[in-house]
Protein backbone atom coordinates (compact mmCIF):
# COMPACT_ATOMS: atom_id res chain seq x y z
CA UNK A 1 -133.80 47.31 53.50
CA UNK A 2 -133.43 49.78 50.73
CA UNK A 3 -136.41 51.91 52.09
CA UNK A 4 -135.19 51.96 55.27
CA UNK A 5 -131.70 53.47 54.28
CA UNK A 6 -133.84 55.86 52.30
CA UNK A 7 -135.92 57.01 55.48
CA UNK A 8 -132.73 57.55 57.67
CA UNK A 9 -131.21 59.11 55.17
CA UNK A 10 -134.17 61.82 54.39
CA UNK A 11 -134.73 62.55 58.00
CA UNK A 12 -130.53 62.81 58.91
CA UNK A 13 -130.88 65.24 55.59
CA UNK A 14 -134.50 66.82 57.66
CA UNK A 15 -131.67 67.45 61.03
CA UNK A 16 -129.30 68.26 59.04
CA UNK A 17 -130.91 70.74 56.80
CA UNK A 18 -132.28 71.94 59.98
CA UNK A 19 -129.08 73.10 61.18
CA UNK A 20 -127.63 74.64 58.34
CA UNK A 21 -130.85 76.92 57.41
CA UNK A 22 -130.92 77.87 60.71
CA UNK A 23 -127.17 79.11 60.30
CA UNK A 24 -127.04 80.28 56.72
CA UNK A 25 -130.52 81.48 56.91
CA UNK A 26 -129.28 84.11 59.74
CA UNK A 27 -127.07 85.21 57.88
CA UNK A 28 -129.08 85.89 54.74
CA UNK A 29 -131.88 87.91 56.58
CA UNK A 30 -129.37 89.59 58.57
CA UNK A 31 -127.99 90.81 55.25
CA UNK A 32 -131.03 91.32 53.23
CA UNK A 33 -132.84 93.13 56.40
CA UNK A 34 -129.29 95.06 56.73
CA UNK A 35 -129.42 96.35 53.27
CA UNK A 36 -125.58 97.00 53.08
CA UNK A 37 -125.01 94.50 49.84
CA UNK A 38 -127.27 93.77 47.47
CA UNK A 39 -129.33 90.44 47.22
CA UNK A 40 -126.82 88.69 44.82
CA UNK A 41 -124.22 89.63 47.23
CA UNK A 42 -126.06 88.19 50.46
CA UNK A 43 -127.21 85.22 48.95
CA UNK A 44 -123.81 84.72 47.59
CA UNK A 45 -122.43 84.84 50.96
CA UNK A 46 -125.30 82.81 52.75
CA UNK A 47 -124.26 80.12 50.25
CA UNK A 48 -120.43 80.49 50.31
CA UNK A 49 -121.53 79.69 54.19
CA UNK A 50 -123.99 76.73 53.51
CA UNK A 51 -121.10 75.33 50.73
CA UNK A 52 -118.71 74.73 53.70
CA UNK A 53 -120.82 73.69 56.52
CA UNK A 54 -122.95 71.41 53.88
CA UNK A 55 -120.53 70.16 51.87
CA UNK A 56 -119.30 67.97 55.21
CA UNK A 57 -122.56 67.22 56.56
CA UNK A 58 -124.15 66.25 54.16
CA UNK A 59 -121.66 64.09 52.20
CA UNK A 60 -120.71 62.22 55.95
CA UNK A 61 -123.36 62.71 58.28
CA UNK A 62 -126.45 62.38 55.48
CA UNK A 63 -125.08 60.23 52.79
CA UNK A 64 -122.42 58.65 54.50
CA UNK A 65 -120.46 59.08 51.06
CA UNK A 66 -116.50 57.80 50.57
CA UNK A 67 -114.04 59.20 48.65
CA UNK A 68 -115.17 63.51 49.83
CA UNK A 69 -111.18 65.14 49.07
CA UNK A 70 -111.73 63.33 45.50
CA UNK A 71 -112.41 66.17 43.11
CA UNK A 72 -115.71 64.98 41.64
CA UNK A 73 -117.73 64.96 44.22
CA UNK A 74 -116.22 68.60 45.51
CA UNK A 75 -116.78 69.95 41.45
CA UNK A 76 -120.01 68.68 41.50
CA UNK A 77 -120.96 69.93 45.16
CA UNK A 78 -119.98 73.11 43.85
CA UNK A 79 -121.89 73.39 40.94
CA UNK A 80 -124.68 71.81 42.68
CA UNK A 81 -124.11 75.65 44.90
CA UNK A 82 -124.16 77.70 42.59
CA UNK A 83 -127.09 76.50 41.02
CA UNK A 84 -128.54 77.05 44.13
CA UNK A 85 -127.37 80.41 44.59
CA UNK A 86 -128.75 81.44 41.59
CA UNK A 87 -132.10 80.22 42.07
CA UNK A 88 -132.20 81.46 45.37
CA UNK A 89 -131.61 85.06 43.96
CA UNK A 90 -133.63 84.65 40.97
CA UNK A 91 -136.55 83.74 43.42
CA UNK A 92 -136.06 86.75 45.69
CA UNK A 93 -135.82 88.90 42.91
CA UNK A 94 -138.76 87.67 41.95
CA UNK A 95 -140.57 88.21 45.01
CA UNK A 96 -139.17 91.56 45.54
CA UNK A 97 -140.29 92.47 41.79
CA UNK A 98 -143.75 91.33 43.32
CA UNK A 99 -143.62 93.83 46.11
CA UNK A 100 -143.26 90.96 48.42
CA UNK A 101 -140.73 91.57 51.79
CA UNK A 102 -137.00 89.93 50.40
CA UNK A 103 -137.25 88.40 53.85
CA UNK A 104 -140.74 87.22 53.37
CA UNK A 105 -139.02 86.04 49.54
CA UNK A 106 -136.20 84.41 50.83
CA UNK A 107 -138.59 82.06 53.69
CA UNK A 108 -140.01 80.79 50.90
CA UNK A 109 -137.42 79.54 48.94
CA UNK A 110 -136.16 77.52 52.04
CA UNK A 111 -138.96 74.30 51.00
CA UNK A 112 -138.04 74.58 47.55
CA UNK A 113 -134.17 74.36 47.03
CA UNK A 114 -133.88 71.83 50.14
CA UNK A 115 -135.74 69.59 48.01
CA UNK A 116 -134.27 70.24 44.71
CA UNK A 117 -130.35 69.82 46.72
CA UNK A 118 -131.68 66.27 48.36
CA UNK A 119 -132.10 65.09 45.33
CA UNK A 120 -129.55 66.15 43.37
CA UNK A 121 -127.24 65.64 46.16
CA UNK A 122 -128.36 62.02 46.67
CA UNK A 123 -128.65 60.83 43.23
CA UNK A 124 -125.83 63.06 41.64
CA UNK A 125 -123.10 64.64 44.28
CA UNK A 126 -122.73 61.39 46.54
CA UNK A 127 -124.19 58.26 44.86
């Protein structure tokens, strides 16, 4: 039963993640392409969209967590999203330093951040 639950969780995370990635990456890609703001502000803005949308869909739909209005999961999710923002910004900056397009570097970060986010949400935020 446990492996079936995990399989369903991973599937739901993937489906919710695709929706979330499309939404937040659209914001990020537009900001990076516009050069109106720097990488840190672009990633912070997209991470804010991700945080607001993600907490609800991952907490309710993916992990079916109880007590989402309590402080502990909100604080943990906020800390996780802050770490994701720092990693994303650093990864894009590293790519830019290596003469990789900011947009390509941002896309390359998606699978790395998705795996880290799933593990942290499952084992720390929504357990």
